[in-house]
Protein backbone atom coordinates (compact mmCIF):
# COMPACT_ATOMS: atom_id res chain seq x y z
CA MET A 1 -3.46 16.65 24.02
CA LEU A 2 -1.03 17.60 21.25
CA ALA A 3 1.93 16.54 23.38
CA LEU A 4 0.26 13.20 24.06
CA ALA A 5 -0.43 12.68 20.37
CA ARG A 6 3.20 13.38 19.53
CA ALA A 7 4.34 11.02 22.26
CA PHE A 8 2.24 8.27 20.69
CA GLU A 9 3.76 9.12 17.31
CA ASN A 10 7.24 8.83 18.78
CA ARG A 11 6.27 5.40 20.12
CA SER A 12 5.05 4.39 16.64
CA ASP A 13 1.42 4.22 17.73
CA PRO A 14 -0.42 6.04 14.94
CA ASN A 15 -3.84 4.79 16.03
CA ARG A 16 -3.62 6.47 19.41
CA SER A 17 -2.04 9.55 17.85
CA ILE A 18 -4.99 9.88 15.49
CA GLU A 19 -7.42 9.55 18.39
CA CYS A 20 -5.71 12.43 20.19
CA TYR A 21 -5.47 14.59 17.09
CA ASP A 22 -9.16 13.98 16.37
CA ARG A 23 -10.00 15.33 19.82
CA VAL A 24 -7.96 18.45 19.14
CA LEU A 25 -9.69 18.95 15.78
CA GLN A 26 -13.10 18.63 17.41
CA VAL A 27 -12.21 21.78 19.35
CA ASP A 28 -10.51 23.65 16.49
CA ASN A 29 -10.77 22.19 13.00
CA THR A 30 -8.70 25.02 11.52
CA LEU A 31 -5.39 23.70 12.87
CA GLU A 32 -3.74 22.75 9.62
CA ASP A 33 -0.60 21.41 11.30
CA VAL A 34 -2.77 18.90 13.14
CA HIS A 35 -4.40 17.84 9.89
CA ALA A 36 -0.91 17.35 8.46
CA ARG A 37 0.00 15.10 11.40
CA VAL A 38 -3.17 13.04 10.87
CA LEU A 39 -2.25 12.58 7.21
CA ARG A 40 1.23 11.44 8.23
CA CYS A 41 -0.22 8.98 10.76
CA TYR A 42 -2.50 7.44 8.15
CA ALA A 43 0.47 7.18 5.78
CA ASP A 44 2.50 5.51 8.53
CA LYS A 45 -0.31 2.96 8.84
CA ASN A 46 -0.09 2.39 5.06
CA GLU A 47 -3.66 3.64 4.63
CA PRO A 48 -3.57 5.77 1.46
CA ALA A 49 -7.37 5.75 1.15
CA LEU A 50 -7.63 7.33 4.61
CA VAL A 51 -4.97 9.90 3.72
CA ARG A 52 -7.08 10.90 0.72
CA GLU A 53 -10.36 10.82 2.64
CA HIS A 54 -9.06 13.00 5.45
CA TYR A 55 -7.47 15.53 3.11
CA TYR A 56 -10.56 15.90 0.93
CA ARG A 57 -12.90 16.07 3.91
CA TYR A 58 -10.76 18.86 5.36
CA ALA A 59 -10.56 20.65 1.99
CA GLU A 60 -14.35 20.51 1.62
CA TRP A 61 -14.84 21.82 5.15
CA LEU A 62 -12.41 24.69 4.52
CA ALA A 63 -14.17 25.64 1.28
CA LYS A 64 -17.60 25.57 2.88
CA GLU A 65 -16.89 27.08 6.29
CA VAL A 66 -13.94 29.37 5.67
CA GLY A 67 -14.06 29.98 1.93
CA THR A 68 -10.49 28.90 1.29
CA ALA A 69 -8.40 25.90 0.33
CA PRO A 70 -5.66 24.03 2.16
CA SER A 71 -2.35 25.84 2.13
CA PRO A 72 0.16 25.05 -0.60
CA ARG A 73 2.36 23.46 2.08
CA LEU A 74 -0.38 21.02 3.13
CA ALA A 75 -1.32 20.30 -0.49
CA ARG A 76 2.32 19.52 -1.27
CA SER A 77 2.62 17.29 1.80
CA TYR A 78 -0.56 15.48 0.80
CA ARG A 79 0.73 14.87 -2.73
CA GLN A 80 4.01 13.53 -1.37
CA LEU A 81 2.25 11.18 1.04
CA VAL A 82 -0.08 9.85 -1.63
CA HIS A 83 2.84 9.43 -4.04
CA GLU A 84 4.83 7.53 -1.36
CA GLU A 85 1.92 5.14 -0.97
CA ALA A 86 1.52 4.51 -4.71
C-alpha cells in the first residue's frame, strides 16, 4: 500500500495518496513517516487547515496512547509546511 501511495504522489495525485496512507495508518498509527507524507500531501493540495488538523490529531493520539509527542523531525517538518502555506 505504501508503494501505491508513493506512486500516486509521483503522479501528483495527493487525494489518492492520502487514501492509501490512511489505510496504512488504520493498521499502524505509529508510523510517523506515513504521517509526514500525509502532511506533505495536504500541503501539496494547499490545505493548511488539514495539515494542522492531521498533525494535532496525531499529536493528541500519541500523547494519550503512547505517552509521547511527535519527534522533533516531524514537528520541524510540520512547522515548515505550515509556514510555506502562510
